[in-house]
Amino acid sequence: MDVELAGRLGGLGEAVKNLDDNLRAMRAAQERMEARAEKRAEDADESRRRLYAKVDDIQDKVAGLDKKVDVELHEVRDRLDDVERTAVSAKEAGDDYRRLVQQGKGALLVFGFGGTAFGAGAIYFFDGVIRWLKTKLGL
């Protein structure tokens, strides 16, 4: 019985050793999985940090662009106001020029009619003088 008991105990010892090896293998596998999970978590944290840094950088750039757009928009508005003032001034100058041209044409028309009337009157007068002279001189 001792031999049989020793054989059973040897088999039991072998089973316990196998269980111990299996437990150690499971612990090693679990530690590797925990290490991988920890590495993935660290990688995810690093990715989030990079993403947040990029988002912050983009926010800063957008804020800078907003300020630049505001400044340039004010400059454009100022230039537009200058253009509008210049356009109004040019329109007024054009209107003044047209008025002066119309007044000049009117004055030339009046002088033309006056000159024509004076010329016609002078011709009529001298024609009358010549007829009178012809009648007086008998020609």
N, C-alpha and C. Protein backbone atom coordinates (compact mmCIF):
# COMPACT_ATOMS: atom_id res chain seq x y z
N MET A 1 0.80 -1.15 0.00
CA MET A 1 0.00 0.00 0.00
C MET A 1 0.86 1.25 0.00
N ASP A 2 1.95 1.12 0.56
CA ASP A 2 2.86 2.24 0.57
C ASP A 2 3.29 2.60 -0.84
N VAL A 3 3.49 1.60 -1.65
CA VAL A 3 3.92 1.85 -3.03
C VAL A 3 2.76 2.50 -3.78
N GLU A 4 1.61 1.96 -3.54
CA GLU A 4 0.43 2.54 -4.22
C GLU A 4 0.18 3.94 -3.74
N LEU A 5 0.32 4.19 -2.47
CA LEU A 5 0.15 5.52 -1.90
C LEU A 5 1.25 6.44 -2.41
N ALA A 6 2.46 5.93 -2.48
CA ALA A 6 3.56 6.74 -2.98
C ALA A 6 3.32 7.07 -4.45
N GLY A 7 2.80 6.13 -5.24
CA GLY A 7 2.50 6.39 -6.66
C GLY A 7 1.42 7.43 -6.80
N ARG A 8 0.41 7.31 -5.93
CA ARG A 8 -0.67 8.31 -5.98
C ARG A 8 -0.18 9.67 -5.54
N LEU A 9 0.63 9.66 -4.51
CA LEU A 9 1.16 10.94 -4.05
C LEU A 9 2.09 11.53 -5.10
N GLY A 10 2.85 10.68 -5.80
CA GLY A 10 3.72 11.16 -6.88
C GLY A 10 2.88 11.76 -7.99
N GLY A 11 1.78 11.09 -8.34
CA GLY A 11 0.86 11.62 -9.38
C GLY A 11 0.23 12.91 -8.90
N LEU A 12 -0.10 12.93 -7.62
CA LEU A 12 -0.68 14.16 -7.04
C LEU A 12 0.35 15.28 -7.04
N GLY A 13 1.59 14.93 -6.72
CA GLY A 13 2.67 15.92 -6.74
C GLY A 13 2.87 16.46 -8.15
N GLU A 14 2.80 15.53 -9.14
CA GLU A 14 2.94 15.95 -10.55
C GLU A 14 1.77 16.86 -10.94
N ALA A 15 0.56 16.56 -10.50
CA ALA A 15 -0.63 17.37 -10.81
C ALA A 15 -0.50 18.74 -10.16
N VAL A 16 -0.02 18.76 -8.90
CA VAL A 16 0.16 20.03 -8.21
C VAL A 16 1.23 20.85 -8.94
N LYS A 17 2.31 20.16 -9.40
CA LYS A 17 3.35 20.87 -10.12
C LYS A 17 2.78 21.43 -11.43
N ASN A 18 1.99 20.62 -12.11
CA ASN A 18 1.36 21.10 -13.35
C ASN A 18 0.42 22.27 -13.07
N LEU A 19 -0.33 22.18 -11.98
CA LEU A 19 -1.21 23.28 -11.61
C LEU A 19 -0.40 24.54 -11.31
N ASP A 20 0.72 24.34 -10.61
CA ASP A 20 1.59 25.47 -10.28
C ASP A 20 2.15 26.09 -11.57
N ASP A 21 2.58 25.24 -12.50
CA ASP A 21 3.11 25.75 -13.78
C ASP A 21 2.00 26.50 -14.55
N ASN A 22 0.83 25.91 -14.54
CA ASN A 22 -0.30 26.55 -15.23
C ASN A 22 -0.65 27.90 -14.59
N LEU A 23 -0.65 27.95 -13.26
CA LEU A 23 -0.93 29.20 -12.55
C LEU A 23 0.12 30.25 -12.87
N ARG A 24 1.40 29.80 -12.88
CA ARG A 24 2.47 30.74 -13.21
C ARG A 24 2.33 31.25 -14.66
N ALA A 25 2.00 30.35 -15.56
CA ALA A 25 1.80 30.75 -16.97
C ALA A 25 0.63 31.72 -17.08
N MET A 26 -0.44 31.42 -16.34
CA MET A 26 -1.61 32.31 -16.36
C MET A 26 -1.25 33.67 -15.78
N ARG A 27 -0.47 33.67 -14.66
CA ARG A 27 -0.05 34.94 -14.06
C ARG A 27 0.83 35.72 -15.04
N ALA A 28 1.76 35.03 -15.70
CA ALA A 28 2.64 35.69 -16.67
C ALA A 28 1.81 36.27 -17.83
N ALA A 29 0.84 35.48 -18.31
CA ALA A 29 -0.03 35.96 -19.40
C ALA A 29 -0.85 37.16 -18.93
N GLN A 30 -1.35 37.07 -17.69
CA GLN A 30 -2.13 38.18 -17.14
C GLN A 30 -1.26 39.42 -16.99
N GLU A 31 -0.03 39.25 -16.54
CA GLU A 31 0.88 40.39 -16.39
C GLU A 31 1.19 41.01 -17.76
N ARG A 32 1.40 40.13 -18.79
CA ARG A 32 1.64 40.66 -20.14
C ARG A 32 0.42 41.43 -20.64
N MET A 33 -0.78 40.88 -20.38
CA MET A 33 -2.01 41.57 -20.81
C MET A 33 -2.17 42.89 -20.07
N GLU A 34 -1.87 42.88 -18.77
CA GLU A 34 -1.94 44.13 -18.00
C GLU A 34 -0.92 45.14 -18.51
N ALA A 35 0.28 44.67 -18.85
CA ALA A 35 1.31 45.56 -19.38
C ALA A 35 0.86 46.13 -20.72
N ARG A 36 0.27 45.27 -21.59
CA ARG A 36 -0.25 45.77 -22.88
C ARG A 36 -1.38 46.77 -22.68
N ALA A 37 -2.28 46.44 -21.72
CA ALA A 37 -3.40 47.35 -21.45
C ALA A 37 -2.87 48.69 -20.92
N GLU A 38 -1.87 48.61 -20.05
CA GLU A 38 -1.27 49.82 -19.51
C GLU A 38 -0.59 50.61 -20.63
N LYS A 39 0.11 49.93 -21.53
CA LYS A 39 0.77 50.58 -22.67
C LYS A 39 -0.28 51.24 -23.57
N ARG A 40 -1.39 50.50 -23.84
CA ARG A 40 -2.47 51.08 -24.65
C ARG A 40 -3.07 52.30 -23.98
N ALA A 41 -3.25 52.23 -22.66
CA ALA A 41 -3.79 53.38 -21.92
C ALA A 41 -2.82 54.56 -22.00
N GLU A 42 -1.51 54.27 -21.85
CA GLU A 42 -0.52 55.35 -21.95
C GLU A 42 -0.52 55.94 -23.37
N ASP A 43 -0.60 55.06 -24.38
CA ASP A 43 -0.64 55.53 -25.76
C ASP A 43 -1.89 56.37 -26.00
N ALA A 44 -3.02 55.90 -25.46
CA ALA A 44 -4.26 56.66 -25.61
C ALA A 44 -4.15 58.02 -24.91
N ASP A 45 -3.55 58.03 -23.72
CA ASP A 45 -3.35 59.30 -23.01
C ASP A 45 -2.46 60.24 -23.82
N GLU A 46 -1.39 59.69 -24.39
CA GLU A 46 -0.48 60.50 -25.21
C GLU A 46 -1.19 61.02 -26.45
N SER A 47 -2.00 60.17 -27.07
CA SER A 47 -2.76 60.61 -28.25
C SER A 47 -3.74 61.71 -27.88
N ARG A 48 -4.40 61.55 -26.74
CA ARG A 48 -5.33 62.60 -26.29
C ARG A 48 -4.58 63.91 -26.02
N ARG A 49 -3.38 63.79 -25.39
CA ARG A 49 -2.59 64.99 -25.12
C ARG A 49 -2.23 65.70 -26.43
N ARG A 50 -1.78 64.91 -27.42
CA ARG A 50 -1.43 65.50 -28.72
C ARG A 50 -2.66 66.12 -29.38
N LEU A 51 -3.79 65.43 -29.28
CA LEU A 51 -5.03 65.95 -29.87
C LEU A 51 -5.44 67.26 -29.19
N TYR A 52 -5.39 67.28 -27.86
CA TYR A 52 -5.73 68.50 -27.13
C TYR A 52 -4.77 69.64 -27.47
N ALA A 53 -3.47 69.30 -27.63
CA ALA A 53 -2.49 70.32 -28.00
C ALA A 53 -2.81 70.88 -29.38
N LYS A 54 -3.17 69.99 -30.31
CA LYS A 54 -3.52 70.45 -31.67
C LYS A 54 -4.78 71.31 -31.64
N VAL A 55 -5.76 70.90 -30.85
CA VAL A 55 -7.00 71.68 -30.74
C VAL A 55 -6.70 73.06 -30.16
N ASP A 56 -5.86 73.09 -29.11
CA ASP A 56 -5.48 74.38 -28.52
C ASP A 56 -4.75 75.25 -29.54
N ASP A 57 -3.84 74.63 -30.31
CA ASP A 57 -3.11 75.37 -31.34
C ASP A 57 -4.06 75.93 -32.39
N ILE A 58 -5.01 75.11 -32.82
CA ILE A 58 -5.99 75.56 -33.81
C ILE A 58 -6.86 76.67 -33.24
N GLN A 59 -7.25 76.56 -31.98
CA GLN A 59 -8.03 77.62 -31.35
C GLN A 59 -7.25 78.93 -31.32
N ASP A 60 -5.95 78.84 -30.99
CA ASP A 60 -5.11 80.04 -30.98
C ASP A 60 -5.02 80.65 -32.37
N LYS A 61 -4.83 79.79 -33.38
CA LYS A 61 -4.75 80.29 -34.75
C LYS A 61 -6.06 80.93 -35.19
N VAL A 62 -7.18 80.30 -34.85
CA VAL A 62 -8.48 80.86 -35.22
C VAL A 62 -8.70 82.20 -34.52
N ALA A 63 -8.32 82.28 -33.26
CA ALA A 63 -8.45 83.55 -32.53
C ALA A 63 -7.59 84.62 -33.19
N GLY A 64 -6.37 84.25 -33.58
CA GLY A 64 -5.49 85.19 -34.28
C GLY A 64 -6.08 85.62 -35.60
N LEU A 65 -6.66 84.66 -36.33
CA LEU A 65 -7.29 85.00 -37.61
C LEU A 65 -8.50 85.91 -37.41
N ASP A 66 -9.28 85.64 -36.35
CA ASP A 66 -10.43 86.51 -36.06
C ASP A 66 -9.97 87.95 -35.84
N LYS A 67 -8.90 88.11 -35.06
CA LYS A 67 -8.38 89.46 -34.81
C LYS A 67 -7.89 90.09 -36.10
N LYS A 68 -7.18 89.30 -36.91
CA LYS A 68 -6.65 89.82 -38.18
C LYS A 68 -7.79 90.22 -39.11
N VAL A 69 -8.82 89.39 -39.16
CA VAL A 69 -9.98 89.70 -40.01
C VAL A 69 -10.66 90.96 -39.53
N ASP A 70 -10.80 91.11 -38.22
CA ASP A 70 -11.42 92.32 -37.68
C ASP A 70 -10.62 93.57 -38.06
N VAL A 71 -9.30 93.48 -37.91
CA VAL A 71 -8.44 94.63 -38.24
C VAL A 71 -8.55 94.94 -39.73
N GLU A 72 -8.45 93.91 -40.56
CA GLU A 72 -8.51 94.13 -42.01
C GLU A 72 -9.90 94.60 -42.43
N LEU A 73 -10.93 94.13 -41.75
CA LEU A 73 -12.29 94.57 -42.06
C LEU A 73 -12.44 96.05 -41.75
N HIS A 74 -11.86 96.50 -40.64
CA HIS A 74 -11.90 97.93 -40.33
C HIS A 74 -11.14 98.73 -41.38
N GLU A 75 -9.99 98.20 -41.82
CA GLU A 75 -9.22 98.88 -42.85
C GLU A 75 -10.01 98.97 -44.16
N VAL A 76 -10.68 97.88 -44.51
CA VAL A 76 -11.49 97.87 -45.73
C VAL A 76 -12.64 98.87 -45.61
N ARG A 77 -13.26 98.92 -44.45
CA ARG A 77 -14.36 99.88 -44.26
C ARG A 77 -13.85 101.31 -44.38
N ASP A 78 -12.67 101.57 -43.79
CA ASP A 78 -12.08 102.91 -43.90
C ASP A 78 -11.79 103.25 -45.35
N ARG A 79 -11.22 102.30 -46.08
CA ARG A 79 -10.92 102.54 -47.50
C ARG A 79 -12.21 102.73 -48.29
N LEU A 80 -13.23 101.97 -47.96
CA LEU A 80 -14.51 102.10 -48.65
C LEU A 80 -15.11 103.47 -48.38
N ASP A 81 -14.99 103.94 -47.15
CA ASP A 81 -15.47 105.29 -46.83
C ASP A 81 -14.71 106.33 -47.65
N ASP A 82 -13.37 106.15 -47.78
CA ASP A 82 -12.58 107.07 -48.59
C ASP A 82 -13.02 107.03 -50.05
N VAL A 83 -13.28 105.84 -50.56
CA VAL A 83 -13.73 105.70 -51.95
C VAL A 83 -15.08 106.38 -52.13
N GLU A 84 -15.98 106.19 -51.17
CA GLU A 84 -17.29 106.82 -51.27
C GLU A 84 -17.17 108.34 -51.24
N ARG A 85 -16.30 108.86 -50.35
CA ARG A 85 -16.10 110.32 -50.32
C ARG A 85 -15.52 110.82 -51.64
N THR A 86 -14.57 110.08 -52.17
CA THR A 86 -13.96 110.46 -53.45
C THR A 86 -15.00 110.40 -54.56
N ALA A 87 -15.84 109.38 -54.55
CA ALA A 87 -16.87 109.25 -55.59
C ALA A 87 -17.86 110.41 -55.49
N VAL A 88 -18.26 110.77 -54.28
CA VAL A 88 -19.18 111.89 -54.10
C VAL A 88 -18.53 113.18 -54.58
N SER A 89 -17.27 113.37 -54.23
CA SER A 89 -16.53 114.56 -54.66
C SER A 89 -16.41 114.59 -56.18
N ALA A 90 -16.10 113.45 -56.80
CA ALA A 90 -15.98 113.39 -58.26
C ALA A 90 -17.32 113.65 -58.91
N LYS A 91 -18.40 113.15 -58.33
CA LYS A 91 -19.73 113.39 -58.89
C LYS A 91 -20.07 114.88 -58.81
N GLU A 92 -19.75 115.48 -57.68
CA GLU A 92 -20.01 116.92 -57.54
C GLU A 92 -19.19 117.72 -58.56
N ALA A 93 -17.92 117.33 -58.75
CA ALA A 93 -17.08 118.02 -59.73
C ALA A 93 -17.63 117.81 -61.14
N GLY A 94 -18.08 116.59 -61.43
CA GLY A 94 -18.68 116.32 -62.75
C GLY A 94 -19.95 117.12 -62.96
N ASP A 95 -20.76 117.20 -61.92
CA ASP A 95 -22.00 117.99 -62.02
C ASP A 95 -21.66 119.47 -62.25
N ASP A 96 -20.67 119.99 -61.53
CA ASP A 96 -20.24 121.39 -61.72
C ASP A 96 -19.75 121.60 -63.15
N TYR A 97 -18.96 120.66 -63.67
CA TYR A 97 -18.44 120.78 -65.03
C TYR A 97 -19.60 120.81 -66.04
N ARG A 98 -20.56 119.88 -65.87
CA ARG A 98 -21.71 119.85 -66.79
C ARG A 98 -22.49 121.17 -66.71
N ARG A 99 -22.66 121.68 -65.51
CA ARG A 99 -23.37 122.95 -65.35
C ARG A 99 -22.65 124.07 -66.06
N LEU A 100 -21.31 124.12 -65.88
CA LEU A 100 -20.53 125.17 -66.55
C LEU A 100 -20.58 125.01 -68.07
N VAL A 101 -20.53 123.78 -68.55
CA VAL A 101 -20.62 123.55 -70.00
C VAL A 101 -21.97 124.02 -70.51
N GLN A 102 -23.04 123.68 -69.80
CA GLN A 102 -24.38 124.11 -70.23
C GLN A 102 -24.50 125.63 -70.20
N GLN A 103 -23.93 126.25 -69.17
CA GLN A 103 -23.97 127.72 -69.10
C GLN A 103 -23.16 128.33 -70.24
N GLY A 104 -22.01 127.71 -70.55
CA GLY A 104 -21.19 128.19 -71.66
C GLY A 104 -21.92 128.06 -72.99
N LYS A 105 -22.58 126.94 -73.20
CA LYS A 105 -23.35 126.75 -74.44
C LYS A 105 -24.48 127.77 -74.52
N GLY A 106 -25.13 127.99 -73.39
CA GLY A 106 -26.21 128.99 -73.37
C GLY A 106 -25.69 130.38 -73.69
N ALA A 107 -24.53 130.74 -73.09
CA ALA A 107 -23.95 132.06 -73.34
C ALA A 107 -23.54 132.18 -74.82
N LEU A 108 -22.95 131.13 -75.38
CA LEU A 108 -22.59 131.16 -76.80
C LEU A 108 -23.82 131.30 -77.68
N LEU A 109 -24.90 130.66 -77.32
CA LEU A 109 -26.14 130.77 -78.08
C LEU A 109 -26.67 132.20 -78.03
N VAL A 110 -26.64 132.79 -76.83
CA VAL A 110 -27.11 134.18 -76.69
C VAL A 110 -26.22 135.12 -77.50
N PHE A 111 -24.88 134.94 -77.39
CA PHE A 111 -23.97 135.78 -78.17
C PHE A 111 -24.16 135.56 -79.66
N GLY A 112 -24.40 134.31 -80.05
CA GLY A 112 -24.64 134.01 -81.47
C GLY A 112 -25.88 134.69 -81.98
N PHE A 113 -26.97 134.57 -81.23
CA PHE A 113 -28.21 135.25 -81.63
C PHE A 113 -28.02 136.77 -81.63
N GLY A 114 -27.32 137.26 -80.61
CA GLY A 114 -27.05 138.70 -80.54
C GLY A 114 -26.21 139.16 -81.71
N GLY A 115 -25.17 138.40 -82.04
CA GLY A 115 -24.31 138.74 -83.17
C GLY A 115 -25.07 138.68 -84.48
N THR A 116 -25.90 137.65 -84.61
CA THR A 116 -26.70 137.53 -85.83
C THR A 116 -27.67 138.70 -85.93
N ALA A 117 -28.32 139.02 -84.84
CA ALA A 117 -29.27 140.14 -84.85
C ALA A 117 -28.54 141.45 -85.14
N PHE A 118 -27.36 141.63 -84.50
CA PHE A 118 -26.59 142.84 -84.75
C PHE A 118 -26.15 142.91 -86.21
N GLY A 119 -25.66 141.79 -86.75
CA GLY A 119 -25.24 141.73 -88.14
C GLY A 119 -26.40 141.99 -89.09
N ALA A 120 -27.53 141.35 -88.82
CA ALA A 120 -28.71 141.55 -89.67
C ALA A 120 -29.18 143.00 -89.57
N GLY A 121 -29.16 143.54 -88.36
CA GLY A 121 -29.57 144.95 -88.17
C GLY A 121 -28.62 145.89 -88.90
N ALA A 122 -27.30 145.60 -88.81
CA ALA A 122 -26.32 146.45 -89.49
C ALA A 122 -26.50 146.38 -91.00
N ILE A 123 -26.72 145.17 -91.51
CA ILE A 123 -26.94 145.01 -92.95
C ILE A 123 -28.20 145.76 -93.37
N TYR A 124 -29.26 145.60 -92.61
CA TYR A 124 -30.52 146.28 -92.93
C TYR A 124 -30.34 147.80 -92.88
N PHE A 125 -29.61 148.26 -91.85
CA PHE A 125 -29.36 149.70 -91.72
C PHE A 125 -28.57 150.23 -92.90
N PHE A 126 -27.46 149.56 -93.22
CA PHE A 126 -26.62 150.03 -94.31
C PHE A 126 -27.31 149.85 -95.66
N ASP A 127 -28.15 148.83 -95.79
CA ASP A 127 -28.92 148.67 -97.02
C ASP A 127 -29.88 149.84 -97.16
N GLY A 128 -30.49 150.24 -96.05
CA GLY A 128 -31.38 151.42 -96.06
C GLY A 128 -30.59 152.68 -96.38
N VAL A 129 -29.38 152.82 -95.83
CA VAL A 129 -28.55 153.99 -96.10
C VAL A 129 -28.18 154.02 -97.58
N ILE A 130 -27.82 152.87 -98.13
CA ILE A 130 -27.44 152.82 -99.54
C ILE A 130 -28.65 153.15 -100.42
N ARG A 131 -29.82 152.69 -100.13
CA ARG A 131 -31.03 153.03 -100.90
C ARG A 131 -31.33 154.51 -100.79
N TRP A 132 -31.19 155.04 -99.62
CA TRP A 132 -31.45 156.48 -99.43
C TRP A 132 -30.47 157.31 -100.24
N LEU A 133 -29.18 156.88 -100.20
CA LEU A 133 -28.19 157.57 -100.96
C LEU A 133 -28.47 157.46 -102.48
N LYS A 134 -28.89 156.31 -102.90
CA LYS A 134 -29.21 156.10 -104.31
C LYS A 134 -30.38 157.00 -104.73
N THR A 135 -31.37 157.12 -103.88
CA THR A 135 -32.51 157.97 -104.20
C THR A 135 -32.12 159.43 -104.17
N LYS A 136 -31.23 159.84 -103.32
CA LYS A 136 -30.81 161.22 -103.20
C LYS A 136 -29.84 161.57 -104.35
N LEU A 137 -29.05 160.61 -104.68
CA LEU A 137 -28.07 160.88 -105.74
C LEU A 137 -28.63 160.54 -107.11
N GLY A 138 -29.67 159.87 -107.17
CA GLY A 138 -30.36 159.54 -108.39
C GLY A 138 -29.75 158.33 -109.09
N LEU A 139 -29.20 157.61 -108.47
CA LEU A 139 -28.63 156.43 -109.10
C LEU A 139 -29.59 155.33 -109.20
